[in-house]
C-alpha atoms as a PDB file:
ATOM      1  CA  MET A   1      13.315  -2.680  20.359  1.00  0.00           C
ATOM      2  CA  PRO A   2      15.708  -2.219  23.252  1.00  0.00           C
ATOM      3  CA  ALA A   3      14.513  -0.105  26.146  1.00  0.00           C
ATOM      4  CA  SER A   4      17.448   2.491  25.779  1.00  0.00           C
ATOM      5  CA  VAL A   5      16.514   3.631  22.553  1.00  0.00           C
ATOM      6  CA  GLY A   6      14.948   6.836  22.715  1.00  0.00           C
ATOM      7  CA  PRO A   7      13.056   9.019  20.483  1.00  0.00           C
ATOM      8  CA  GLY A   8      15.896  11.011  19.025  1.00  0.00           C
ATOM      9  CA  GLU A   9      18.037   7.647  18.502  1.00  0.00           C
ATOM     10  CA  ILE A  10      19.639   6.286  15.280  1.00  0.00           C
ATOM     11  CA  LEU A  11      18.734   2.799  14.520  1.00  0.00           C
ATOM     12  CA  ILE A  12      20.488   0.403  12.016  1.00  0.00           C
ATOM     13  CA  ILE A  13      18.862  -1.896   9.562  1.00  0.00           C
ATOM     14  CA  LYS A  14      18.470  -4.889  12.472  1.00  0.00           C
ATOM     15  CA  GLN A  15      16.658  -2.705  14.699  1.00  0.00           C
ATOM     16  CA  VAL A  16      14.374  -1.544  12.117  1.00  0.00           C
ATOM     17  CA  ALA A  17      13.594  -4.500  11.001  1.00  0.00           C
ATOM     18  CA  GLU A  18      12.997  -5.989  14.298  1.00  0.00           C
ATOM     19  CA  TYR A  19      10.609  -2.698  15.114  1.00  0.00           C
ATOM     20  CA  LEU A  20       8.556  -3.114  11.928  1.00  0.00           C
ATOM     21  CA  LYS A  21       8.585  -6.845  12.386  1.00  0.00           C
ATOM     22  CA  VAL A  22       9.876  -7.381   8.699  1.00  0.00           C
ATOM     23  CA  THR A  23      13.425  -8.758   7.562  1.00  0.00           C
ATOM     24  CA  GLU A  24      16.279  -6.962   7.391  1.00  0.00           C
ATOM     25  CA  ARG A  25      16.597  -7.422   3.739  1.00  0.00           C
ATOM     26  CA  THR A  26      13.264  -5.613   3.635  1.00  0.00           C
ATOM     27  CA  ILE A  27      14.582  -2.503   5.023  1.00  0.00           C
ATOM     28  CA  TYR A  28      17.561  -2.537   2.929  1.00  0.00           C
ATOM     29  CA  ARG A  29      15.245  -2.858   0.020  1.00  0.00           C
ATOM     30  CA  LEU A  30      13.066   0.023   1.558  1.00  0.00           C
ATOM     31  CA  ALA A  31      15.720   2.426   1.897  1.00  0.00           C
ATOM     32  CA  ALA A  32      17.418   1.884  -1.241  1.00  0.00           C
ATOM     33  CA  ALA A  33      14.521   2.396  -2.811  1.00  0.00           C
ATOM     34  CA  LYS A  34      13.908   5.587  -0.986  1.00  0.00           C
ATOM     35  CA  LYS A  35      10.391   4.606   0.294  1.00  0.00           C
ATOM     36  CA  ILE A  36      11.671   4.497   4.287  1.00  0.00           C
ATOM     37  CA  PRO A  37      13.584   7.675   5.367  1.00  0.00           C
ATOM     38  CA  ALA A  38      16.933   6.529   6.034  1.00  0.00           C
ATOM     39  CA  PHE A  39      21.079   7.808   4.974  1.00  0.00           C
ATOM     40  CA  LYS A  40      23.919   6.435   4.976  1.00  0.00           C
ATOM     41  CA  VAL A  41      26.990   6.680   7.087  1.00  0.00           C
ATOM     42  CA  GLY A  42      30.236   5.225   5.669  1.00  0.00           C
ATOM     43  CA  GLY A  43      28.107   3.070   3.312  1.00  0.00           C
ATOM     44  CA  THR A  44      25.831   1.669   5.979  1.00  0.00           C
ATOM     45  CA  TRP A  45      22.473   2.327   6.148  1.00  0.00           C
ATOM     46  CA  ARG A  46      20.925   4.684   9.147  1.00  0.00           C
ATOM     47  CA  PHE A  47      17.194   5.497  10.061  1.00  0.00           C
ATOM     48  CA  SER A  48      16.283   8.173  12.671  1.00  0.00           C
ATOM     49  CA  ARG A  49      13.325   6.781  14.961  1.00  0.00           C
ATOM     50  CA  THR A  50      11.774   9.951  14.760  1.00  0.00           C
ATOM     51  CA  ASP A  51      11.443   9.803  10.947  1.00  0.00           C
ATOM     52  CA  ILE A  52      10.425   5.957  10.987  1.00  0.00           C
ATOM     53  CA  GLU A  53       7.784   6.939  13.672  1.00  0.00           C
ATOM     54  CA  ARG A  54       6.504   9.773  11.499  1.00  0.00           C
ATOM     55  CA  TRP A  55       7.020   7.735   8.279  1.00  0.00           C
ATOM     56  CA  ILE A  56       4.381   4.756   9.883  1.00  0.00           C
ATOM     57  CA  ASN A  57       1.910   7.425  11.053  1.00  0.00           C
ATOM     58  CA  GLN A  58       2.074   8.573   7.402  1.00  0.00           C
ATOM     59  CA  GLN A  59       1.459   5.108   6.089  1.00  0.00           C
ATOM     60  CA  SER A  60      -1.150   4.441   8.022  1.00  0.00           C
ATOM     61  CA  ALA A  61      -2.837   7.509   7.057  1.00  0.00           C
ATOM     62  CA  SER A  62      -2.567   7.065   3.570  1.00  0.00           C
ATOM     63  CA  VAL A  63      -3.841   3.527   3.801  1.00  0.00           C
ATOM     64  CA  LYS A  64      -7.975   3.582   2.095  1.00  0.00           C
ATOM     65  CA  PRO A  65     -10.697   1.410   2.220  1.00  0.00           C
ATOM     66  CA  ALA A  66     -10.391  -1.338  -0.350  1.00  0.00           C
ATOM     67  CA  GLU A  67     -12.517  -0.794  -3.546  1.00  0.00           C
ATOM     68  CA  PRO A  68     -14.225  -3.829  -4.780  1.00  0.00           C
ATOM     69  CA  ALA A  69     -12.340  -5.800  -7.292  1.00  0.00           C
ATOM     70  CA  GLU A  70     -13.040  -5.718 -11.097  1.00  0.00           C
ATOM     71  CA  GLY A  71     -15.083  -8.860 -11.105  1.00  0.00           C
ATOM     72  CA  GLU A  72     -16.846  -7.893  -8.158  1.00  0.00           C
ATOM     73  CA  ARG A  73     -18.182  -4.667  -9.799  1.00  0.00           C
ATOM     74  CA  ALA A  74     -19.511  -6.265 -13.030  1.00  0.00           C
ATOM     75  CA  ARG A  75     -21.280  -9.111 -10.855  1.00  0.00           C
ATOM     76  CA  LYS A  76     -22.982  -6.158  -8.612  1.00  0.00           C
ATOM     77  CA  VAL A  77     -24.156  -4.648 -12.177  1.00  0.00           C
ATOM     78  CA  GLN A  78     -25.183  -8.086 -13.493  1.00  0.00           C
ATOM     79  CA  LYS A  79     -27.558  -8.372 -10.638  1.00  0.00           C
ATOM     80  CA  THR A  80     -29.429  -5.271 -10.809  1.00  0.00           C
ATOM     81  CA  THR A  81     -29.914  -5.942 -14.472  1.00  0.00           C
ATOM     82  CA  SER A  82     -32.537  -8.196 -15.702  1.00  0.00           C
ATOM     83  CA  ARG A  83     -32.289 -10.533 -18.918  1.00  0.00           C
ATOM     84  CA  ARG A  84     -33.911  -8.072 -20.861  1.00  0.00           C
ATOM     85  CA  GLY A  85     -31.512  -5.144 -19.714  1.00  0.00           C
ATOM     86  CA  GLU A  86     -34.056  -3.459 -17.810  1.00  0.00           C
ATOM     87  CA  ALA A  87     -33.273  -2.450 -14.134  1.00  0.00           C
ATOM     88  CA  ARG A  88     -35.156  -4.518 -11.437  1.00  0.00           C
END
């Protein structure tokens, strides 16, 4: 992202895509689905850098540790139970 872009700056799709290391199409889809903070000016998407940085922090904070897949849970239960159904 250019060094001239400050915290209160307004970004275009290309700048947000570069900042987030994704394609412009991805940013367009996120904006259209209202999954990223954005607004339109004359039919063109615009983004507040401050809002994007806040959104990034919220996304990072909402990431939870992955739970074992259903198959992994079933295997763990099988390992702790003998063939007769008794716990080991």
